[in-house]
Amino acid sequence: MKLNENEMLEIKGGAFGLKTAFLIGLGGLITLIVGIVDGYLNPNKCN
């Protein structure tokens, strides 16, 4: 079975939208801030 052009355009793939990209960026920023605060409040020397 072959798909026509309109049917191919309606296929949803693995791409994500702007909302998902924003949430991923926000999660990364929160992780960075928590890591900086943790490193400041609990400094450990490298072995």
C-alpha atoms as a PDB file:
ATOM      1  CA  MET A   1       0.000   0.000   0.000  1.00  0.00           C
ATOM      2  CA  LYS A   2       1.381   3.383  -0.950  1.00  0.00           C
ATOM      3  CA  LEU A   3       0.559   6.607   0.861  1.00  0.00           C
ATOM      4  CA  ASN A   4      -0.329   9.748  -1.012  1.00  0.00           C
ATOM      5  CA  GLU A   5       1.212  13.129  -0.175  1.00  0.00           C
ATOM      6  CA  ASN A   6      -1.611  14.234   2.165  1.00  0.00           C
ATOM      7  CA  GLU A   7      -1.428  11.009   4.146  1.00  0.00           C
ATOM      8  CA  MET A   8       2.346  11.343   4.519  1.00  0.00           C
ATOM      9  CA  LEU A   9       2.015  14.886   5.847  1.00  0.00           C
ATOM     10  CA  GLU A  10      -0.331  13.697   8.616  1.00  0.00           C
ATOM     11  CA  ILE A  11       2.124  11.129  10.022  1.00  0.00           C
ATOM     12  CA  LYS A  12       3.309  12.145  13.475  1.00  0.00           C
ATOM     13  CA  GLY A  13       6.922  11.199  14.197  1.00  0.00           C
ATOM     14  CA  GLY A  14       9.397  11.485  17.037  1.00  0.00           C
ATOM     15  CA  ALA A  15       9.764  15.260  16.903  1.00  0.00           C
ATOM     16  CA  PHE A  16       8.720  17.335  19.881  1.00  0.00           C
ATOM     17  CA  GLY A  17       7.137  20.752  20.059  1.00  0.00           C
ATOM     18  CA  LEU A  18       8.009  24.041  21.656  1.00  0.00           C
ATOM     19  CA  LYS A  19       6.345  23.133  24.964  1.00  0.00           C
ATOM     20  CA  THR A  20       8.459  19.998  25.337  1.00  0.00           C
ATOM     21  CA  ALA A  21      11.650  21.851  24.397  1.00  0.00           C
ATOM     22  CA  PHE A  22      10.848  24.517  27.020  1.00  0.00           C
ATOM     23  CA  LEU A  23      10.260  21.895  29.713  1.00  0.00           C
ATOM     24  CA  ILE A  24      13.533  20.122  28.863  1.00  0.00           C
ATOM     25  CA  GLY A  25      15.409  23.434  29.048  1.00  0.00           C
ATOM     26  CA  LEU A  26      13.736  24.328  32.330  1.00  0.00           C
ATOM     27  CA  GLY A  27      14.646  20.933  33.787  1.00  0.00           C
ATOM     28  CA  GLY A  28      18.265  21.412  32.729  1.00  0.00           C
ATOM     29  CA  LEU A  29      18.379  24.876  34.283  1.00  0.00           C
ATOM     30  CA  ILE A  30      16.919  23.608  37.557  1.00  0.00           C
ATOM     31  CA  THR A  31      19.464  20.760  37.600  1.00  0.00           C
ATOM     32  CA  LEU A  32      22.309  23.232  37.040  1.00  0.00           C
ATOM     33  CA  ILE A  33      21.139  25.527  39.846  1.00  0.00           C
ATOM     34  CA  VAL A  34      20.721  22.615  42.278  1.00  0.00           C
ATOM     35  CA  GLY A  35      24.231  21.373  41.405  1.00  0.00           C
ATOM     36  CA  ILE A  36      25.760  24.801  42.003  1.00  0.00           C
ATOM     37  CA  VAL A  37      23.970  25.237  45.341  1.00  0.00           C
ATOM     38  CA  ASP A  38      24.912  21.708  46.423  1.00  0.00           C
ATOM     39  CA  GLY A  39      28.563  22.305  45.508  1.00  0.00           C
ATOM     40  CA  TYR A  40      28.608  25.585  47.408  1.00  0.00           C
ATOM     41  CA  LEU A  41      26.943  24.227  50.566  1.00  0.00           C
ATOM     42  CA  ASN A  42      28.747  20.860  50.588  1.00  0.00           C
ATOM     43  CA  PRO A  43      32.235  21.321  49.124  1.00  0.00           C
ATOM     44  CA  ASN A  44      34.272  18.114  48.777  1.00  0.00           C
ATOM     45  CA  LYS A  45      37.893  17.989  47.692  1.00  0.00           C
ATOM     46  CA  CYS A  46      38.845  15.805  44.748  1.00  0.00           C
ATOM     47  CA  ASN A  47      40.725  12.641  45.650  1.00  0.00           C
END
